[in-house]
N, C-alpha and C. Protein backbone atom coordinates (compact mmCIF):
# COMPACT_ATOMS: atom_id res chain seq x y z
N MET A 1 -31.62 -0.78 2.95
CA MET A 1 -30.56 -1.58 2.36
C MET A 1 -29.23 -0.83 2.39
N ILE A 2 -29.27 0.46 2.10
CA ILE A 2 -28.04 1.26 2.10
C ILE A 2 -27.42 1.29 3.50
N GLU A 3 -28.26 1.40 4.53
CA GLU A 3 -27.76 1.45 5.90
C GLU A 3 -27.02 0.17 6.25
N ARG A 4 -27.56 -0.97 5.84
CA ARG A 4 -26.92 -2.26 6.10
C ARG A 4 -25.56 -2.32 5.41
N GLN A 5 -25.48 -1.85 4.18
CA GLN A 5 -24.21 -1.85 3.45
C GLN A 5 -23.18 -0.97 4.14
N VAL A 6 -23.62 0.17 4.63
CA VAL A 6 -22.70 1.08 5.33
C VAL A 6 -22.18 0.42 6.60
N VAL A 7 -23.05 -0.24 7.34
CA VAL A 7 -22.64 -0.92 8.57
C VAL A 7 -21.64 -2.03 8.25
N ILE A 8 -21.93 -2.83 7.25
CA ILE A 8 -21.03 -3.93 6.88
C ILE A 8 -19.67 -3.40 6.41
N GLU A 9 -19.68 -2.37 5.58
CA GLU A 9 -18.41 -1.79 5.12
C GLU A 9 -17.63 -1.16 6.27
N THR A 10 -18.33 -0.57 7.23
CA THR A 10 -17.67 -0.02 8.41
C THR A 10 -17.00 -1.13 9.21
N ILE A 11 -17.69 -2.25 9.36
CA ILE A 11 -17.10 -3.41 10.05
C ILE A 11 -15.85 -3.87 9.30
N GLY A 12 -15.92 -3.90 7.98
CA GLY A 12 -14.77 -4.29 7.17
C GLY A 12 -13.57 -3.37 7.38
N TRP A 13 -13.82 -2.07 7.43
CA TRP A 13 -12.72 -1.11 7.62
C TRP A 13 -12.17 -1.17 9.05
N ILE A 14 -13.04 -1.40 10.03
CA ILE A 14 -12.57 -1.57 11.41
C ILE A 14 -11.67 -2.80 11.50
N SER A 15 -12.08 -3.86 10.82
CA SER A 15 -11.28 -5.08 10.79
C SER A 15 -9.91 -4.84 10.16
N THR A 16 -9.91 -4.11 9.06
CA THR A 16 -8.65 -3.80 8.39
C THR A 16 -7.75 -2.96 9.28
N ALA A 17 -8.32 -1.96 9.92
CA ALA A 17 -7.54 -1.09 10.81
C ALA A 17 -6.98 -1.88 11.99
N SER A 18 -7.78 -2.76 12.59
CA SER A 18 -7.29 -3.54 13.73
C SER A 18 -6.19 -4.49 13.30
N PHE A 19 -6.27 -5.02 12.08
CA PHE A 19 -5.19 -5.87 11.58
C PHE A 19 -3.90 -5.07 11.44
N LEU A 20 -4.00 -3.87 10.89
CA LEU A 20 -2.81 -3.04 10.72
C LEU A 20 -2.22 -2.64 12.07
N ILE A 21 -3.07 -2.34 13.04
CA ILE A 21 -2.60 -2.00 14.38
C ILE A 21 -1.92 -3.20 15.03
N SER A 22 -2.44 -4.40 14.77
CA SER A 22 -1.87 -5.60 15.40
C SER A 22 -0.42 -5.83 14.97
N ILE A 23 -0.05 -5.33 13.82
CA ILE A 23 1.33 -5.48 13.35
C ILE A 23 2.29 -4.76 14.29
N LEU A 24 1.82 -3.70 14.92
CA LEU A 24 2.67 -2.88 15.79
C LEU A 24 2.67 -3.33 17.25
N MET A 25 1.91 -4.34 17.59
CA MET A 25 1.79 -4.79 18.97
C MET A 25 3.08 -5.44 19.45
N PRO A 26 3.73 -4.86 20.46
CA PRO A 26 4.97 -5.46 20.96
C PRO A 26 4.72 -6.66 21.88
N ASN A 27 3.58 -6.68 22.54
CA ASN A 27 3.26 -7.74 23.48
C ASN A 27 2.42 -8.81 22.78
N ARG A 28 2.87 -10.05 22.82
CA ARG A 28 2.19 -11.13 22.09
C ARG A 28 0.76 -11.36 22.58
N ILE A 29 0.52 -11.21 23.88
CA ILE A 29 -0.84 -11.43 24.40
C ILE A 29 -1.80 -10.40 23.80
N HIS A 30 -1.34 -9.16 23.69
CA HIS A 30 -2.19 -8.13 23.09
C HIS A 30 -2.38 -8.38 21.60
N LEU A 31 -1.34 -8.87 20.97
CA LEU A 31 -1.43 -9.22 19.54
C LEU A 31 -2.53 -10.25 19.32
N HIS A 32 -2.54 -11.29 20.13
CA HIS A 32 -3.53 -12.36 19.96
C HIS A 32 -4.93 -11.92 20.40
N GLN A 33 -5.03 -11.06 21.40
CA GLN A 33 -6.33 -10.54 21.78
C GLN A 33 -6.92 -9.70 20.65
N LEU A 34 -6.08 -8.88 20.04
CA LEU A 34 -6.54 -8.09 18.90
C LEU A 34 -6.85 -9.01 17.72
N GLY A 35 -6.08 -10.10 17.59
CA GLY A 35 -6.34 -11.08 16.53
C GLY A 35 -7.71 -11.73 16.67
N VAL A 36 -8.14 -11.98 17.90
CA VAL A 36 -9.48 -12.54 18.13
C VAL A 36 -10.53 -11.54 17.64
N PHE A 37 -10.37 -10.27 18.01
CA PHE A 37 -11.30 -9.24 17.58
C PHE A 37 -11.32 -9.12 16.05
N THR A 38 -10.13 -9.10 15.45
CA THR A 38 -10.02 -8.99 13.99
C THR A 38 -10.67 -10.18 13.30
N SER A 39 -10.50 -11.36 13.86
CA SER A 39 -11.11 -12.56 13.29
C SER A 39 -12.63 -12.46 13.28
N ILE A 40 -13.17 -11.97 14.38
CA ILE A 40 -14.63 -11.85 14.48
C ILE A 40 -15.15 -10.83 13.46
N THR A 41 -14.52 -9.65 13.42
CA THR A 41 -15.01 -8.61 12.50
C THR A 41 -14.82 -9.01 11.04
N THR A 42 -13.71 -9.65 10.72
CA THR A 42 -13.50 -10.09 9.35
C THR A 42 -14.46 -11.21 8.99
N GLY A 43 -14.73 -12.10 9.94
CA GLY A 43 -15.70 -13.17 9.70
C GLY A 43 -17.08 -12.63 9.40
N ILE A 44 -17.50 -11.62 10.15
CA ILE A 44 -18.80 -10.99 9.91
C ILE A 44 -18.82 -10.35 8.52
N TYR A 45 -17.75 -9.64 8.20
CA TYR A 45 -17.66 -8.97 6.90
C TYR A 45 -17.69 -9.98 5.75
N ALA A 46 -16.89 -11.02 5.86
CA ALA A 46 -16.82 -12.03 4.80
C ALA A 46 -18.14 -12.78 4.67
N TYR A 47 -18.75 -13.13 5.79
CA TYR A 47 -20.02 -13.85 5.76
C TYR A 47 -21.11 -13.01 5.11
N SER A 48 -21.12 -11.72 5.39
CA SER A 48 -22.15 -10.86 4.82
C SER A 48 -22.02 -10.73 3.31
N HIS A 49 -20.81 -10.93 2.80
CA HIS A 49 -20.58 -10.86 1.35
C HIS A 49 -20.64 -12.24 0.69
N GLY A 50 -20.88 -13.27 1.49
CA GLY A 50 -20.95 -14.62 0.94
C GLY A 50 -19.60 -15.20 0.57
N ALA A 51 -18.54 -14.65 1.15
CA ALA A 51 -17.19 -15.11 0.84
C ALA A 51 -16.82 -16.23 1.81
N THR A 52 -17.28 -17.42 1.52
CA THR A 52 -17.13 -18.56 2.43
C THR A 52 -15.68 -18.90 2.71
N ALA A 53 -14.83 -18.88 1.71
CA ALA A 53 -13.42 -19.23 1.92
C ALA A 53 -12.75 -18.26 2.90
N ILE A 54 -13.03 -17.00 2.77
CA ILE A 54 -12.45 -16.01 3.69
C ILE A 54 -13.04 -16.18 5.08
N TRP A 55 -14.34 -16.44 5.15
CA TRP A 55 -14.99 -16.62 6.44
C TRP A 55 -14.39 -17.82 7.17
N VAL A 56 -14.16 -18.91 6.47
CA VAL A 56 -13.58 -20.10 7.08
C VAL A 56 -12.14 -19.83 7.52
N LYS A 57 -11.38 -19.12 6.70
CA LYS A 57 -10.00 -18.78 7.06
C LYS A 57 -9.96 -17.99 8.36
N TRP A 58 -10.85 -17.03 8.51
CA TRP A 58 -10.86 -16.21 9.71
C TRP A 58 -11.45 -16.96 10.90
N LEU A 59 -12.27 -17.93 10.67
CA LEU A 59 -12.75 -18.78 11.76
C LEU A 59 -11.58 -19.58 12.33
N ILE A 60 -10.74 -20.09 11.45
CA ILE A 60 -9.54 -20.80 11.88
C ILE A 60 -8.62 -19.84 12.64
N ALA A 61 -8.45 -18.63 12.13
CA ALA A 61 -7.61 -17.63 12.80
C ALA A 61 -8.16 -17.30 14.19
N PHE A 62 -9.50 -17.23 14.30
CA PHE A 62 -10.11 -16.95 15.60
C PHE A 62 -9.69 -18.01 16.62
N PHE A 63 -9.81 -19.28 16.26
CA PHE A 63 -9.46 -20.34 17.20
C PHE A 63 -7.97 -20.36 17.50
N PHE A 64 -7.14 -20.05 16.51
CA PHE A 64 -5.70 -19.97 16.75
C PHE A 64 -5.38 -18.86 17.75
N HIS A 65 -5.92 -17.67 17.51
CA HIS A 65 -5.63 -16.55 18.41
C HIS A 65 -6.21 -16.78 19.80
N ALA A 66 -7.39 -17.36 19.88
CA ALA A 66 -7.99 -17.66 21.19
C ALA A 66 -7.12 -18.66 21.95
N TYR A 67 -6.63 -19.68 21.25
CA TYR A 67 -5.74 -20.66 21.86
C TYR A 67 -4.46 -20.00 22.36
N MET A 68 -3.90 -19.11 21.55
CA MET A 68 -2.65 -18.44 21.94
C MET A 68 -2.87 -17.50 23.12
N VAL A 69 -4.03 -16.87 23.22
CA VAL A 69 -4.33 -16.02 24.39
C VAL A 69 -4.32 -16.87 25.65
N VAL A 70 -5.02 -18.00 25.61
CA VAL A 70 -5.07 -18.89 26.77
C VAL A 70 -3.68 -19.42 27.09
N LYS A 71 -2.95 -19.84 26.10
CA LYS A 71 -1.60 -20.38 26.30
C LYS A 71 -0.66 -19.32 26.88
N SER A 72 -0.73 -18.10 26.37
CA SER A 72 0.13 -17.02 26.85
C SER A 72 -0.21 -16.64 28.28
N LYS A 73 -1.48 -16.64 28.63
CA LYS A 73 -1.87 -16.32 30.00
C LYS A 73 -1.42 -17.39 30.98
N ARG A 74 -1.45 -18.63 30.56
CA ARG A 74 -1.00 -19.73 31.43
C ARG A 74 0.51 -19.68 31.64
N ALA A 75 1.23 -19.20 30.66
CA ALA A 75 2.70 -19.16 30.74
C ALA A 75 3.16 -18.05 31.68
N THR A 76 2.32 -17.05 31.93
CA THR A 76 2.75 -15.94 32.79
C THR A 76 2.39 -16.14 34.23
C-alpha cells in the first residue's frame, strides 16, 4: 500500500513540475504538448484520490491541449 501511495504522489509532483515548466514555454506547440502530458498525469493523480471534479477538469484540459496541438501543427 505504501508503494502505491509513493507512486501516486510522485505522479502528482511530476504533474506539478510539468505545469510550472509549461509557464516558461516560449513556443505554443510545446506548451500544448506539455499540457497534454500534464493533463494525463494530473488526471491519474486526481482519479487515484477520488477527486472527480479535478479529474473532469483535467480531462477537459487534455482535449483542449490536444486540439491546440493539432491546430498549431496544421497552421505551420
